[in-house]
Amino acid sequence: MRIQAALSRAETAGRKCATRLALGPNPTLLRQHQALKNSVSTSLAELDRLIEGLEG
């Protein structure tokens, strides 16, 4: 539940950042957007490893 809620929040925030970026380049928002994408990717990779460990 918490993972799904966090993923949903991250996706929503990512969409907001992408919309703002479309209005014009903003280096601060671009860095925040990239950091968010990296954080979500890292978290999902860790989750995959945990699930594989439970399955194996």
C-alpha atoms as a PDB file:
ATOM      1  CA  MET A   1       0.000   0.000   0.000  1.00  0.00           C
ATOM      2  CA  ARG A   2       2.658   2.531   0.994  1.00  0.00           C
ATOM      3  CA  ILE A   3       4.753   1.691  -2.060  1.00  0.00           C
ATOM      4  CA  GLN A   4       1.787   2.140  -4.396  1.00  0.00           C
ATOM      5  CA  ALA A   5       0.869   5.447  -2.746  1.00  0.00           C
ATOM      6  CA  ALA A   6       4.458   6.684  -2.999  1.00  0.00           C
ATOM      7  CA  LEU A   7       4.663   5.663  -6.653  1.00  0.00           C
ATOM      8  CA  SER A   8       1.411   7.453  -7.401  1.00  0.00           C
ATOM      9  CA  ARG A   9       2.647  10.612  -5.670  1.00  0.00           C
ATOM     10  CA  ALA A  10       5.956  10.446  -7.542  1.00  0.00           C
ATOM     11  CA  GLU A  11       4.203  10.036 -10.885  1.00  0.00           C
ATOM     12  CA  THR A  12       1.909  12.979 -10.134  1.00  0.00           C
ATOM     13  CA  ALA A  13       4.858  15.160  -9.158  1.00  0.00           C
ATOM     14  CA  GLY A  14       6.709  14.088 -12.300  1.00  0.00           C
ATOM     15  CA  ARG A  15       3.775  15.104 -14.482  1.00  0.00           C
ATOM     16  CA  LYS A  16       3.604  18.491 -12.746  1.00  0.00           C
ATOM     17  CA  CYS A  17       7.313  19.063 -13.324  1.00  0.00           C
ATOM     18  CA  ALA A  18       7.033  18.010 -16.968  1.00  0.00           C
ATOM     19  CA  THR A  19       4.155  20.460 -17.472  1.00  0.00           C
ATOM     20  CA  ARG A  20       6.154  23.279 -15.931  1.00  0.00           C
ATOM     21  CA  LEU A  21       9.176  22.424 -18.042  1.00  0.00           C
ATOM     22  CA  ALA A  22       7.031  22.666 -21.169  1.00  0.00           C
ATOM     23  CA  LEU A  23       6.362  26.316 -20.308  1.00  0.00           C
ATOM     24  CA  GLY A  24      10.041  27.138 -20.563  1.00  0.00           C
ATOM     25  CA  PRO A  25      13.400  25.951 -19.341  1.00  0.00           C
ATOM     26  CA  ASN A  26      13.900  26.296 -15.621  1.00  0.00           C
ATOM     27  CA  PRO A  27      17.192  24.793 -14.426  1.00  0.00           C
ATOM     28  CA  THR A  28      15.974  24.313 -10.854  1.00  0.00           C
ATOM     29  CA  LEU A  29      12.853  22.441 -11.911  1.00  0.00           C
ATOM     30  CA  LEU A  30      14.838  20.397 -14.401  1.00  0.00           C
ATOM     31  CA  ARG A  31      17.216  19.266 -11.642  1.00  0.00           C
ATOM     32  CA  GLN A  32      14.287  18.461  -9.343  1.00  0.00           C
ATOM     33  CA  HIS A  33      12.542  16.517 -12.096  1.00  0.00           C
ATOM     34  CA  GLN A  34      15.676  14.518 -12.873  1.00  0.00           C
ATOM     35  CA  ALA A  35      16.279  13.816  -9.184  1.00  0.00           C
ATOM     36  CA  LEU A  36      12.699  12.582  -8.837  1.00  0.00           C
ATOM     37  CA  LYS A  37      13.049  10.294 -11.850  1.00  0.00           C
ATOM     38  CA  ASN A  38      16.305   8.907 -10.481  1.00  0.00           C
ATOM     39  CA  SER A  39      14.797   8.373  -7.040  1.00  0.00           C
ATOM     40  CA  VAL A  40      11.772   6.525  -8.427  1.00  0.00           C
ATOM     41  CA  SER A  41      13.965   4.382 -10.678  1.00  0.00           C
ATOM     42  CA  THR A  42      16.250   3.491  -7.776  1.00  0.00           C
ATOM     43  CA  SER A  43      13.320   2.664  -5.509  1.00  0.00           C
ATOM     44  CA  LEU A  44      11.699   0.442  -8.125  1.00  0.00           C
ATOM     45  CA  ALA A  45      14.985  -1.373  -8.746  1.00  0.00           C
ATOM     46  CA  GLU A  46      15.354  -1.983  -5.009  1.00  0.00           C
ATOM     47  CA  LEU A  47      11.781  -3.235  -4.855  1.00  0.00           C
ATOM     48  CA  ASP A  48      12.465  -5.624  -7.744  1.00  0.00           C
ATOM     49  CA  ARG A  49      15.504  -6.995  -5.899  1.00  0.00           C
ATOM     50  CA  LEU A  50      13.484  -7.486  -2.719  1.00  0.00           C
ATOM     51  CA  ILE A  51      10.721  -9.302  -4.586  1.00  0.00           C
ATOM     52  CA  GLU A  52      13.243 -11.512  -6.383  1.00  0.00           C
ATOM     53  CA  GLY A  53      14.795 -12.349  -3.015  1.00  0.00           C
ATOM     54  CA  LEU A  54      11.423 -13.372  -1.640  1.00  0.00           C
ATOM     55  CA  GLU A  55      10.646 -15.454  -4.718  1.00  0.00           C
ATOM     56  CA  GLY A  56      14.028 -17.159  -4.805  1.00  0.00           C
END
